[in-house]
Amino acid sequence: MADVLIVGAGPTGLTLACDLARRGVTVRIVDKSPGYPRSSRAKGPNPRSLEVMEDLGVLDAVLAASSAPLPMRKYRDGVPVADADPYADSSPTPDAPYDRGRLIAQWRLEEILRDRLAGYGVSVETGTEVVGLTEDGTSVTAALADGSTAGARYVVGCDGAHSRVRKLLGIPFRGETDEEQVMVCGDVEITPGVLDRGIWHQWFDGGGGVMLCPVPGTRAGWWFQSGPERDGDGRPLAPSLEGFRRLFARHTRLPAGHLTGATLLSTYRVNVRMADRYRVGRVLLAGDAAHVHAIAGGLGMNTGIQDAFNLGWKLAQVLKKRAGTELLDTYEEERLPLAAWTLDLTSERLRATLEAIREPGGGLDTAITPSTTGLDRGYRWSSLARPGGDGDVRSGDRAPDAPCTEASTGAPTRLFRVFAGPHITVLGFGAGTDRALREAVAAHGDAVRARRVYHAAAPEPGTAAVVAGALHDRQGLAHAAYGIGGDTVVVVRPDNHVGLIAGADDHAAVRRYLDVLDGVREQDPMSGAGMVDGTRKG
């Protein structure tokens, strides 16, 4: 029996599978599709998802297979009227190394994540459809379409907007579908040299529009989006190669024959819906199975990836008996409000974009705002958040990055490198934090990575602090990022959100908080009870 059965092998399910597998959780991931789809629906990870990719160890592969966001050229009546670069005024900062997302075909991103998952000995089982779920209190049995069953201690539905898992749970998917807001989409091929592949081309006029963005890693592939053709009664026609050619010629004023192929054709309707609950017993939902929203801002796939990154470590801790099942309650507590906010943001950005394209020069750049980066989203309301901290960063916020050096060698490093991996991080700013760091390691072992952060002066070579992997914040950027004014302990959760900011002398607060994240030890064979720091927990 697997620890976790993941239903759906898109970016959400694969992210969750990779995170669980690296934590030593046994995973089975299934998908009803008979093969790996060559879909390129989503256009790529946003900055926050790039941070997740870095933590999972796949960032280099993603960067190699992708391109930076492209400038946008807007046309009116076939004539260029304006260029826009939504990121012209942004740049990486010490606390946020990725100021923009990347363009990558969804199938290529899935391929990268599958390769990573294969490194843990796990592969996707295609052509495997879940048709029923039965829970007995300690596990879940999934009935499969071929008549067999699959058992797991937990099941996570990552199976998209039409989620069978959600329907089996009877969870309402409340919201609305706007039948009038329709778009046809597909992957097309265009004769090389006809269009500049360094540009995202957008033609808008009174009769609709066509948007063409080059697919990275291809010679002639483009993402095609357009308003649909309609019949005499105004009903949208199904997408087709000939229809795409007519739309292409009508809006671009280029010969239809330059559009030489079209695949993965689909009709998109604005669908704004959210599940009432993310968990029923031992079954949970993530990604589009839990929420769908307007396409504006490109947050669909990214919200799912970030759902998975929030859920993975919590499932692992519960499965390993290092936390109680109440930790799973914080998944819905934290992610459901984020989904509601995303629905509101994307709907507002869609309205703004539709208004903008009515005028010459308006385009998809209207949909992009600082909030679509995902970097400003946190969980300050969460029961896992604790009061503390005087700066801009508070408990529940995304943990900032900062450049440092290894105190023992002077080699450059970053806080993100310290955070990366399946552990809790405890940073001690100032000499007064040494006791808290020692206690954290003594009580939690490999579950915690403790680092002393020096600012004014690095420790002498050979000292205990250096041996423990101390960091020298030579430029003071780590102290500035966390608003450190005195000796301070910062606990960073495994999903790289700040859990606690406490004074160096508040040892009890640090101990209590770490016990929440990693409190229950594997069962004591002598007593049948759990142990925490030598204290028996019955």
Protein backbone atom coordinates (compact mmCIF):
# COMPACT_ATOMS: atom_id res chain seq x y z
CA MET A 1 0.00 0.00 0.00
CA ALA A 2 1.31 3.42 -0.94
CA ASP A 3 1.43 6.24 1.56
CA VAL A 4 -0.16 8.63 -0.96
CA LEU A 5 -2.07 8.00 -4.17
CA ILE A 6 -2.00 11.07 -6.41
CA VAL A 7 -4.72 11.20 -9.06
CA GLY A 8 -3.65 13.39 -11.98
CA ALA A 9 -0.14 13.85 -13.39
CA GLY A 10 -0.14 17.46 -14.49
CA PRO A 11 2.18 20.06 -12.92
CA THR A 12 0.27 20.02 -9.60
CA GLY A 13 0.34 16.26 -9.17
CA LEU A 14 3.96 15.96 -10.32
CA THR A 15 5.12 18.74 -7.97
CA LEU A 16 3.41 17.00 -5.06
CA ALA A 17 4.85 13.62 -6.05
CA CYS A 18 8.40 15.00 -6.26
CA ASP A 19 8.10 16.74 -2.90
CA LEU A 20 6.70 13.67 -1.16
CA ALA A 21 9.18 11.26 -2.75
CA ARG A 22 12.19 13.27 -1.63
CA ARG A 23 10.80 13.13 1.90
CA GLY A 24 10.81 9.33 1.85
CA VAL A 25 7.04 8.99 1.36
CA THR A 26 5.93 6.14 -0.89
CA VAL A 27 3.95 7.59 -3.77
CA ARG A 28 1.77 6.19 -6.52
CA ILE A 29 0.70 8.67 -9.22
CA VAL A 30 -1.90 7.77 -11.84
CA ASP A 31 -3.49 9.55 -14.78
CA LYS A 32 -6.41 8.46 -16.93
CA SER A 33 -4.78 9.70 -20.15
CA PRO A 34 -3.39 6.80 -22.18
CA GLY A 35 -0.12 8.64 -22.77
CA TYR A 36 1.69 11.80 -21.83
CA PRO A 37 -0.20 14.71 -23.41
CA ARG A 38 1.72 17.20 -25.54
CA SER A 39 -0.33 20.02 -24.09
CA SER A 40 1.11 23.50 -23.79
CA ARG A 41 -1.91 25.10 -22.16
CA ALA A 42 -0.11 26.96 -19.38
CA LYS A 43 2.69 29.25 -20.51
CA GLY A 44 5.03 28.70 -17.59
CA PRO A 45 5.95 29.22 -13.93
CA ASN A 46 5.75 32.62 -12.29
CA PRO A 47 8.50 33.87 -9.93
CA ARG A 48 7.12 32.11 -6.85
CA SER A 49 6.82 28.83 -8.75
CA LEU A 50 10.42 29.25 -9.94
CA GLU A 51 11.40 29.34 -6.28
CA VAL A 52 9.53 26.06 -5.81
CA MET A 53 11.31 24.58 -8.84
CA GLU A 54 14.66 25.61 -7.34
CA ASP A 55 13.83 23.94 -4.05
CA LEU A 56 12.84 20.74 -5.88
CA GLY A 57 16.13 20.74 -7.78
CA VAL A 58 14.73 21.22 -11.30
CA LEU A 59 15.33 24.93 -11.85
CA ASP A 60 18.36 24.53 -14.12
CA ALA A 61 16.41 22.20 -16.41
CA VAL A 62 13.46 24.61 -16.47
CA LEU A 63 15.67 27.57 -17.32
CA ALA A 64 17.41 25.63 -20.09
CA ALA A 65 14.11 24.62 -21.70
CA SER A 66 12.35 27.97 -21.39
CA SER A 67 12.65 31.60 -22.41
CA ALA A 68 12.19 34.87 -20.60
CA PRO A 69 8.83 36.65 -21.09
CA LEU A 70 8.75 38.40 -24.45
CA PRO A 71 7.92 42.00 -25.33
CA MET A 72 4.36 42.35 -26.59
CA ARG A 73 3.54 43.97 -29.93
CA LYS A 74 -0.01 45.21 -30.40
CA TYR A 75 -1.57 45.66 -33.84
CA ARG A 76 -4.68 47.45 -35.07
CA ASP A 77 -6.10 46.61 -38.47
CA GLY A 78 -2.94 44.64 -39.16
CA VAL A 79 -0.60 47.53 -38.42
CA PRO A 80 1.76 47.65 -35.38
CA VAL A 81 0.65 50.44 -33.03
CA ALA A 82 2.52 49.79 -29.75
CA ASP A 83 5.15 47.64 -28.09
CA ALA A 84 5.11 46.89 -24.37
CA ASP A 85 7.47 45.10 -22.02
CA PRO A 86 5.66 44.53 -18.69
CA TYR A 87 9.00 43.78 -17.00
CA ALA A 88 11.01 46.69 -18.38
CA ASP A 89 11.17 48.39 -14.97
CA SER A 90 11.75 45.27 -12.86
CA SER A 91 14.92 43.44 -11.95
CA PRO A 92 15.98 40.76 -9.46
CA THR A 93 16.65 41.90 -5.91
CA PRO A 94 18.65 40.23 -3.12
CA ASP A 95 15.47 39.01 -1.44
CA ALA A 96 13.67 37.96 -4.68
CA PRO A 97 16.04 36.50 -7.29
CA TYR A 98 13.29 35.97 -9.88
CA ASP A 99 11.42 39.10 -10.91
CA ARG A 100 9.61 37.48 -13.85
CA GLY A 101 8.37 34.06 -14.84
CA ARG A 102 9.49 31.86 -17.74
CA LEU A 103 7.80 30.70 -20.93
CA ILE A 104 7.81 26.92 -21.32
CA ALA A 105 5.40 24.46 -22.90
CA GLN A 106 3.43 22.64 -20.21
CA TRP A 107 4.36 19.26 -21.70
CA ARG A 108 8.05 20.15 -21.38
CA LEU A 109 7.67 21.22 -17.75
CA GLU A 110 5.82 17.98 -17.02
CA GLU A 111 8.63 16.06 -18.72
CA ILE A 112 11.20 17.73 -16.45
CA LEU A 113 9.17 16.92 -13.33
CA ARG A 114 8.64 13.31 -14.46
CA ASP A 115 12.40 12.94 -14.94
CA ARG A 116 12.96 14.26 -11.42
CA LEU A 117 10.36 11.88 -10.05
CA ALA A 118 11.96 8.96 -11.88
CA GLY A 119 15.15 9.72 -9.95
CA TYR A 120 13.22 8.67 -6.83
CA GLY A 121 12.10 5.44 -8.51
CA VAL A 122 8.55 6.61 -9.22
CA SER A 123 6.85 6.74 -12.63
CA VAL A 124 3.42 7.91 -13.74
CA GLU A 125 0.90 5.14 -14.40
CA THR A 126 -0.96 6.31 -17.51
CA GLY A 127 -4.30 4.89 -18.64
CA THR A 128 -5.29 4.41 -15.00
CA GLU A 129 -8.64 5.93 -14.07
CA VAL A 130 -10.04 6.18 -10.54
CA VAL A 131 -13.81 5.58 -10.50
CA GLY A 132 -14.53 5.08 -6.80
CA LEU A 133 -13.19 5.84 -3.32
CA THR A 134 -13.81 4.05 -0.02
CA GLU A 135 -12.27 5.13 3.30
CA ASP A 136 -12.10 2.87 6.35
CA GLY A 137 -10.58 5.31 8.85
CA THR A 138 -6.97 4.25 8.38
CA SER A 139 -6.68 4.13 4.59
CA VAL A 140 -8.47 4.75 1.31
CA THR A 141 -9.22 2.18 -1.37
CA ALA A 142 -9.56 3.53 -4.90
CA ALA A 143 -11.57 1.52 -7.40
CA LEU A 144 -9.99 1.65 -10.86
CA ALA A 145 -11.75 1.51 -14.21
CA ASP A 146 -10.11 -1.82 -15.10
CA GLY A 147 -11.75 -3.49 -12.08
CA SER A 148 -8.67 -3.49 -9.85
CA THR A 149 -8.12 -1.45 -6.69
CA ALA A 150 -5.35 0.73 -5.28
CA GLY A 151 -4.88 1.29 -1.57
CA ALA A 152 -3.21 4.28 0.08
CA ARG A 153 -3.14 5.99 3.43
CA TYR A 154 -4.10 9.28 1.72
CA VAL A 155 -5.42 10.24 -1.72
CA VAL A 156 -4.92 13.64 -3.37
CA GLY A 157 -7.05 14.65 -6.34
CA CYS A 158 -4.97 16.70 -8.76
CA ASP A 159 -7.20 15.73 -11.67
CA GLY A 160 -8.30 19.09 -13.01
CA ALA A 161 -11.45 21.16 -13.23
CA HIS A 162 -13.62 18.15 -14.04
CA SER A 163 -12.11 16.24 -11.11
CA ARG A 164 -13.58 12.79 -10.60
CA VAL A 165 -12.11 12.79 -7.08
CA ARG A 166 -13.99 15.97 -6.16
CA LYS A 167 -17.23 14.56 -7.57
CA LEU A 168 -16.79 11.29 -5.68
CA LEU A 169 -16.42 13.30 -2.47
CA GLY A 170 -19.60 15.23 -3.24
CA ILE A 171 -17.86 18.58 -2.79
CA PRO A 172 -19.72 21.44 -4.51
CA PHE A 173 -17.77 23.45 -7.09
CA ARG A 174 -19.49 26.78 -6.69
CA GLY A 175 -19.17 29.64 -9.13
CA GLU A 176 -20.16 30.45 -12.66
CA THR A 177 -19.24 29.89 -16.29
CA ASP A 178 -19.51 32.85 -18.67
CA GLU A 179 -20.79 31.31 -21.88
CA GLU A 180 -20.20 34.59 -23.74
CA GLN A 181 -16.50 34.88 -22.90
CA VAL A 182 -15.15 32.25 -25.26
CA MET A 183 -11.70 31.73 -26.75
CA VAL A 184 -10.29 29.07 -29.07
CA CYS A 185 -6.78 27.86 -28.38
CA GLY A 186 -4.23 25.52 -29.88
CA ASP A 187 -0.64 24.92 -30.83
CA VAL A 188 0.02 26.01 -34.40
CA GLU A 189 2.93 26.02 -36.81
CA ILE A 190 3.70 29.12 -38.87
CA THR A 191 6.11 29.35 -41.77
CA PRO A 192 9.52 30.28 -40.34
CA GLY A 193 10.52 33.90 -40.96
CA VAL A 194 6.99 35.24 -41.32
CA LEU A 195 6.80 36.50 -37.72
CA ASP A 196 9.55 37.63 -35.34
CA ARG A 197 9.92 34.90 -32.70
CA GLY A 198 11.27 37.40 -30.20
CA ILE A 199 7.83 39.00 -29.90
CA TRP A 200 4.43 38.03 -28.46
CA HIS A 201 2.17 39.29 -31.27
CA GLN A 202 -1.35 40.53 -30.46
CA TRP A 203 -3.84 41.70 -33.10
CA PHE A 204 -7.03 43.33 -31.84
CA ASP A 205 -9.77 45.01 -33.82
CA GLY A 206 -13.51 45.49 -33.71
CA GLY A 207 -14.15 41.94 -34.91
CA GLY A 208 -12.05 40.15 -32.32
CA GLY A 209 -8.38 39.30 -32.16
CA VAL A 210 -5.58 36.78 -32.50
CA MET A 211 -2.64 36.32 -30.13
CA LEU A 212 0.48 34.38 -31.12
CA CYS A 213 3.32 33.61 -28.73
CA PRO A 214 6.31 31.46 -29.81
CA VAL A 215 6.67 28.15 -27.99
CA PRO A 216 10.26 27.89 -26.64
CA GLY A 217 12.33 25.03 -27.94
CA THR A 218 10.51 24.83 -31.24
CA ARG A 219 11.42 26.21 -34.67
CA ALA A 220 7.92 26.99 -35.91
CA GLY A 221 5.58 26.36 -32.95
CA TRP A 222 3.31 29.06 -31.55
CA TRP A 223 0.60 29.33 -28.93
CA PHE A 224 -2.56 30.47 -30.72
CA GLN A 225 -5.43 32.21 -28.91
CA SER A 226 -8.37 33.93 -30.59
CA GLY A 227 -11.98 34.82 -30.32
CA PRO A 228 -13.97 32.06 -32.07
CA GLU A 229 -15.69 32.04 -35.40
CA ARG A 230 -19.46 32.11 -34.98
CA ASP A 231 -22.40 30.73 -36.92
CA GLY A 232 -25.33 32.74 -38.23
CA ASP A 233 -27.02 32.66 -34.81
CA GLY A 234 -23.90 33.91 -33.04
CA ARG A 235 -22.96 30.57 -31.53
CA PRO A 236 -19.19 29.85 -31.37
CA LEU A 237 -17.91 27.30 -33.85
CA ALA A 238 -15.63 24.47 -32.79
CA PRO A 239 -11.94 25.15 -33.47
CA SER A 240 -10.40 23.61 -36.58
CA LEU A 241 -7.31 24.01 -38.73
CA GLU A 242 -9.29 25.78 -41.46
CA GLY A 243 -11.00 27.98 -38.89
CA PHE A 244 -7.64 28.94 -37.39
CA ARG A 245 -6.36 29.81 -40.86
CA ARG A 246 -9.34 32.07 -41.50
CA LEU A 247 -8.91 33.79 -38.13
CA PHE A 248 -5.17 34.17 -38.74
CA ALA A 249 -5.68 35.76 -42.16
CA ARG A 250 -8.54 37.99 -41.02
CA HIS A 251 -6.70 39.57 -38.11
CA THR A 252 -3.04 39.49 -39.19
CA ARG A 253 -3.64 40.35 -42.87
CA LEU A 254 -1.13 37.62 -43.72
CA PRO A 255 -1.82 34.76 -46.14
CA ALA A 256 -3.75 31.94 -44.45
CA GLY A 257 -1.34 29.37 -45.87
CA HIS A 258 1.43 30.56 -43.53
CA LEU A 259 -0.42 28.75 -40.72
CA THR A 260 0.64 25.28 -41.72
CA GLY A 261 -0.61 23.11 -38.84
CA ALA A 262 -2.77 23.15 -35.71
CA THR A 263 -2.98 20.64 -32.86
CA LEU A 264 -4.40 20.42 -29.33
CA LEU A 265 -7.40 22.51 -30.36
CA SER A 266 -9.73 23.52 -27.56
CA THR A 267 -12.43 25.99 -26.62
CA TYR A 268 -11.91 27.96 -23.42
CA ARG A 269 -14.78 29.51 -21.49
CA VAL A 270 -14.23 31.79 -18.51
CA ASN A 271 -14.92 29.51 -15.58
CA VAL A 272 -14.70 30.91 -12.05
CA ARG A 273 -15.32 28.22 -9.43
CA MET A 274 -13.97 27.00 -6.11
CA ALA A 275 -14.48 23.92 -3.98
CA ASP A 276 -16.19 24.37 -0.62
CA ARG A 277 -13.62 22.13 1.04
CA TYR A 278 -10.12 20.88 0.27
CA ARG A 279 -10.25 17.81 2.48
CA VAL A 280 -12.68 15.06 3.40
CA GLY A 281 -11.04 12.64 5.80
CA ARG A 282 -8.05 11.09 4.06
CA VAL A 283 -8.80 12.57 0.63
CA LEU A 284 -7.62 16.05 -0.40
CA LEU A 285 -7.86 18.28 -3.47
CA ALA A 286 -5.22 20.47 -5.12
CA GLY A 287 -4.89 22.62 -8.23
CA ASP A 288 -7.74 22.94 -10.71
CA ALA A 289 -9.63 20.20 -8.87
CA ALA A 290 -10.07 22.75 -6.07
CA HIS A 291 -10.30 26.04 -8.00
CA VAL A 292 -10.50 27.44 -11.53
CA HIS A 293 -10.46 31.06 -12.59
CA ALA A 294 -10.02 33.48 -15.45
CA ILE A 295 -6.90 32.98 -17.55
CA ALA A 296 -5.70 36.59 -17.08
CA GLY A 297 -2.40 36.77 -15.22
CA GLY A 298 -1.41 33.15 -15.88
CA LEU A 299 -2.08 31.97 -12.32
CA GLY A 300 -3.85 28.66 -12.96
CA MET A 301 -0.95 26.24 -13.10
CA ASN A 302 1.03 28.35 -10.64
CA THR A 303 -1.65 28.25 -7.97
CA GLY A 304 -1.72 24.46 -8.29
CA ILE A 305 2.06 24.14 -7.99
CA GLN A 306 1.96 26.27 -4.87
CA ASP A 307 -0.93 24.22 -3.45
CA ALA A 308 1.25 21.14 -3.82
CA PHE A 309 4.25 22.78 -2.16
CA ASN A 310 2.11 23.75 0.82
CA LEU A 311 0.60 20.29 1.15
CA GLY A 312 3.61 18.04 0.56
CA TRP A 313 5.55 18.63 3.76
CA LYS A 314 2.39 18.52 5.87
CA LEU A 315 1.37 15.13 4.50
CA ALA A 316 4.90 13.83 5.05
CA GLN A 317 5.02 14.98 8.67
CA VAL A 318 1.67 13.35 9.44
CA LEU A 319 2.57 10.11 7.66
CA LYS A 320 5.84 9.89 9.58
CA LYS A 321 4.02 10.58 12.86
CA ARG A 322 6.04 13.73 13.38
CA ALA A 323 2.84 15.80 13.55
CA GLY A 324 -0.80 15.20 14.30
CA THR A 325 -3.48 15.17 11.61
CA GLU A 326 -4.49 18.69 12.65
CA LEU A 327 -1.50 19.88 10.61
CA LEU A 328 -3.45 18.84 7.50
CA ASP A 329 -6.24 21.21 8.52
CA THR A 330 -3.86 24.12 7.90
CA TYR A 331 -3.66 23.20 4.20
CA GLU A 332 -7.25 24.28 3.57
CA GLU A 333 -6.93 27.07 6.14
CA GLU A 334 -4.04 28.60 4.20
CA ARG A 335 -4.74 27.75 0.57
CA LEU A 336 -8.51 28.21 0.30
CA PRO A 337 -8.36 31.97 1.08
CA LEU A 338 -5.51 32.25 -1.44
CA ALA A 339 -7.71 30.63 -4.08
CA ALA A 340 -10.56 33.04 -3.32
CA TRP A 341 -8.17 35.97 -3.67
CA THR A 342 -6.87 34.54 -6.96
CA LEU A 343 -10.40 34.24 -8.35
CA ASP A 344 -11.03 37.90 -7.52
CA LEU A 345 -7.68 39.08 -8.90
CA THR A 346 -7.91 37.21 -12.19
CA SER A 347 -11.52 38.26 -12.78
CA GLU A 348 -10.57 41.89 -12.19
CA ARG A 349 -7.53 41.61 -14.48
CA LEU A 350 -9.69 40.04 -17.20
CA ARG A 351 -12.13 42.93 -17.00
CA ALA A 352 -9.26 45.41 -17.20
CA THR A 353 -7.74 43.62 -20.19
CA LEU A 354 -11.02 43.45 -22.11
CA GLU A 355 -11.43 47.16 -21.52
CA ALA A 356 -7.86 47.91 -22.61
CA ILE A 357 -8.03 46.08 -25.93
CA ARG A 358 -10.93 48.20 -27.06
CA GLU A 359 -8.43 50.96 -27.69
CA PRO A 360 -5.41 50.83 -30.04
CA GLY A 361 -2.30 49.80 -28.09
CA GLY A 362 -4.16 47.81 -25.43
CA GLY A 363 -3.02 44.23 -24.85
CA LEU A 364 -2.30 41.39 -22.47
CA ASP A 365 0.27 43.42 -20.54
CA THR A 366 -2.72 44.89 -18.68
CA ALA A 367 -3.19 41.52 -16.96
CA ILE A 368 0.28 41.58 -15.39
CA THR A 369 0.70 43.22 -11.98
CA PRO A 370 3.12 42.72 -9.06
CA SER A 371 0.54 40.42 -7.48
CA THR A 372 0.71 37.97 -10.39
CA THR A 373 4.31 37.14 -9.43
CA GLY A 374 3.07 35.23 -6.38
CA LEU A 375 5.79 36.80 -4.24
CA ASP A 376 3.50 38.88 -2.05
CA ARG A 377 1.23 36.05 -0.92
CA GLY A 378 1.52 34.67 2.59
CA TYR A 379 -0.49 33.17 5.42
CA ARG A 380 -0.49 35.73 8.22
CA TRP A 381 -3.98 34.57 9.24
CA SER A 382 -2.89 30.94 9.64
CA SER A 383 -2.93 29.09 12.95
CA LEU A 384 0.70 28.26 12.12
CA ALA A 385 1.60 31.97 12.21
CA ARG A 386 2.92 33.41 15.46
CA PRO A 387 3.11 37.05 16.60
CA GLY A 388 6.55 38.59 16.41
CA GLY A 389 8.86 40.68 14.29
CA ASP A 390 9.00 44.45 13.91
CA GLY A 391 9.84 44.67 10.20
CA ASP A 392 7.90 44.16 7.00
CA VAL A 393 8.33 40.39 7.18
CA ARG A 394 5.95 38.64 9.57
CA SER A 395 5.08 35.09 10.45
CA GLY A 396 3.26 33.47 7.54
CA ASP A 397 5.04 35.52 4.87
CA ARG A 398 7.19 34.07 2.12
CA ALA A 399 10.74 33.79 3.50
CA PRO A 400 13.06 36.22 1.64
CA ASP A 401 16.31 35.19 0.01
CA ALA A 402 19.63 36.96 0.66
CA PRO A 403 23.23 36.47 -0.49
CA CYS A 404 25.69 35.35 2.20
CA THR A 405 29.01 33.56 2.40
CA GLU A 406 29.94 30.32 4.12
CA ALA A 407 31.74 31.48 7.25
CA SER A 408 34.17 28.57 7.12
CA THR A 409 35.35 29.09 3.52
CA GLY A 410 34.13 32.47 2.33
CA ALA A 411 32.35 30.76 -0.57
CA PRO A 412 29.24 32.59 -1.78
CA THR A 413 25.86 31.08 -0.95
CA ARG A 414 22.24 32.19 -0.44
CA LEU A 415 19.54 31.65 2.12
CA PHE A 416 17.53 29.77 -0.52
CA ARG A 417 20.31 27.18 -0.68
CA VAL A 418 20.04 26.75 3.07
CA PHE A 419 16.25 26.39 2.86
CA ALA A 420 16.30 23.93 -0.06
CA GLY A 421 15.38 20.40 0.91
CA PRO A 422 12.96 18.52 3.15
CA HIS A 423 13.71 20.22 6.46
CA ILE A 424 12.80 23.09 8.77
CA THR A 425 15.36 25.91 8.90
CA VAL A 426 16.27 27.80 12.06
CA LEU A 427 18.30 30.97 11.57
CA GLY A 428 20.01 32.56 14.54
CA PHE A 429 20.85 36.23 14.05
CA GLY A 430 23.35 37.20 16.75
CA ALA A 431 25.49 35.47 19.36
CA GLY A 432 22.61 35.22 21.80
CA THR A 433 20.83 32.67 19.61
CA ASP A 434 23.36 29.86 20.04
CA ARG A 435 21.38 28.11 22.77
CA ALA A 436 18.21 28.08 20.66
CA LEU A 437 20.13 26.63 17.71
CA ARG A 438 21.71 23.91 19.86
CA GLU A 439 18.37 22.96 21.40
CA ALA A 440 16.69 22.80 17.98
CA VAL A 441 19.27 20.36 16.64
CA ALA A 442 19.30 18.29 19.83
CA ALA A 443 15.52 17.93 19.87
CA HIS A 444 14.80 17.50 16.16
CA GLY A 445 17.97 16.17 14.56
CA ASP A 446 17.99 16.05 10.76
CA ALA A 447 14.49 17.49 10.62
CA VAL A 448 16.06 20.88 11.39
CA ARG A 449 18.86 22.76 9.67
CA ALA A 450 20.19 25.37 12.13
CA ARG A 451 22.44 28.20 10.95
CA ARG A 452 23.99 31.06 12.87
CA VAL A 453 24.03 34.28 10.79
CA TYR A 454 26.84 36.73 11.53
CA HIS A 455 26.85 40.29 10.30
CA ALA A 456 29.59 42.59 11.59
CA ALA A 457 32.31 39.95 11.79
CA ALA A 458 32.64 36.31 10.85
CA PRO A 459 33.68 33.80 13.54
CA GLU A 460 37.22 32.56 13.82
CA PRO A 461 38.02 29.50 11.69
CA GLY A 462 37.61 26.24 13.59
CA THR A 463 34.99 27.51 16.05
CA ALA A 464 31.89 25.43 16.72
CA ALA A 465 29.74 27.94 14.85
CA VAL A 466 31.81 27.56 11.70
CA VAL A 467 31.75 23.78 11.89
CA ALA A 468 27.95 23.95 12.17
CA GLY A 469 27.79 25.81 8.85
CA ALA A 470 27.48 29.41 9.96
CA LEU A 471 26.72 32.14 7.43
CA HIS A 472 28.40 35.51 7.15
CA ASP A 473 25.91 38.23 6.17
CA ARG A 474 28.73 40.47 5.03
CA GLN A 475 26.50 43.08 3.37
CA GLY A 476 23.79 42.92 6.00
CA LEU A 477 21.20 41.94 3.39
CA ALA A 478 19.83 38.98 5.33
CA HIS A 479 19.42 41.12 8.44
CA ALA A 480 17.69 43.80 6.37
CA ALA A 481 15.39 41.33 4.61
CA TYR A 482 14.07 39.99 7.91
CA GLY A 483 14.07 43.33 9.74
CA ILE A 484 16.56 42.13 12.34
CA GLY A 485 17.47 44.74 14.94
CA GLY A 486 18.82 42.53 17.73
CA ASP A 487 19.51 38.90 18.54
CA THR A 488 16.65 37.05 16.85
CA VAL A 489 15.61 33.51 15.96
CA VAL A 490 13.71 32.94 12.70
CA VAL A 491 12.06 29.60 12.00
CA VAL A 492 11.39 28.93 8.31
CA ARG A 493 8.85 26.25 7.44
CA PRO A 494 9.69 23.50 4.92
CA ASP A 495 7.65 25.35 2.26
CA ASN A 496 9.86 28.41 2.78
CA HIS A 497 7.38 30.55 4.66
CA VAL A 498 8.32 32.26 7.91
CA GLY A 499 6.89 30.38 10.85
CA LEU A 500 8.23 32.27 13.86
CA ILE A 501 10.28 35.37 14.60
CA ALA A 502 11.31 35.43 18.27
CA GLY A 503 13.79 37.10 20.55
CA ALA A 504 16.92 35.11 21.31
CA ASP A 505 15.92 34.65 24.94
CA ASP A 506 12.44 33.30 24.14
CA HIS A 507 13.63 29.69 24.08
CA ALA A 508 10.23 28.33 25.12
CA ALA A 509 8.48 29.92 22.13
CA VAL A 510 11.01 28.41 19.73
CA ARG A 511 10.71 24.96 21.35
CA ARG A 512 6.91 25.07 21.27
CA TYR A 513 6.79 26.16 17.67
CA LEU A 514 9.23 23.52 16.46
CA ASP A 515 7.17 20.91 18.29
CA VAL A 516 4.13 22.02 16.27
CA LEU A 517 6.00 21.47 13.00
CA ASP A 518 7.98 18.42 14.11
CA GLY A 519 6.67 17.37 17.48
CA VAL A 520 5.74 13.70 17.53
CA ARG A 521 8.52 11.17 17.22
CA GLU A 522 8.22 7.72 15.70
CA GLN A 523 6.58 5.36 18.15
CA ASP A 524 8.62 4.33 21.19
CA PRO A 525 8.85 0.52 20.89
CA MET A 526 9.02 0.13 24.68
CA SER A 527 5.80 1.94 25.44
CA GLY A 528 3.75 2.34 22.26
CA ALA A 529 3.70 6.09 22.88
CA GLY A 530 5.38 8.92 21.05
CA MET A 531 8.34 10.76 22.47
CA VAL A 532 9.18 14.45 22.28
CA ASP A 533 12.50 15.56 23.77
CA GLY A 534 12.30 12.72 26.30
CA THR A 535 8.74 13.60 27.32
CA ARG A 536 6.26 10.82 26.71
CA LYS A 537 3.22 11.71 24.59
CA GLY A 538 0.43 9.18 24.95
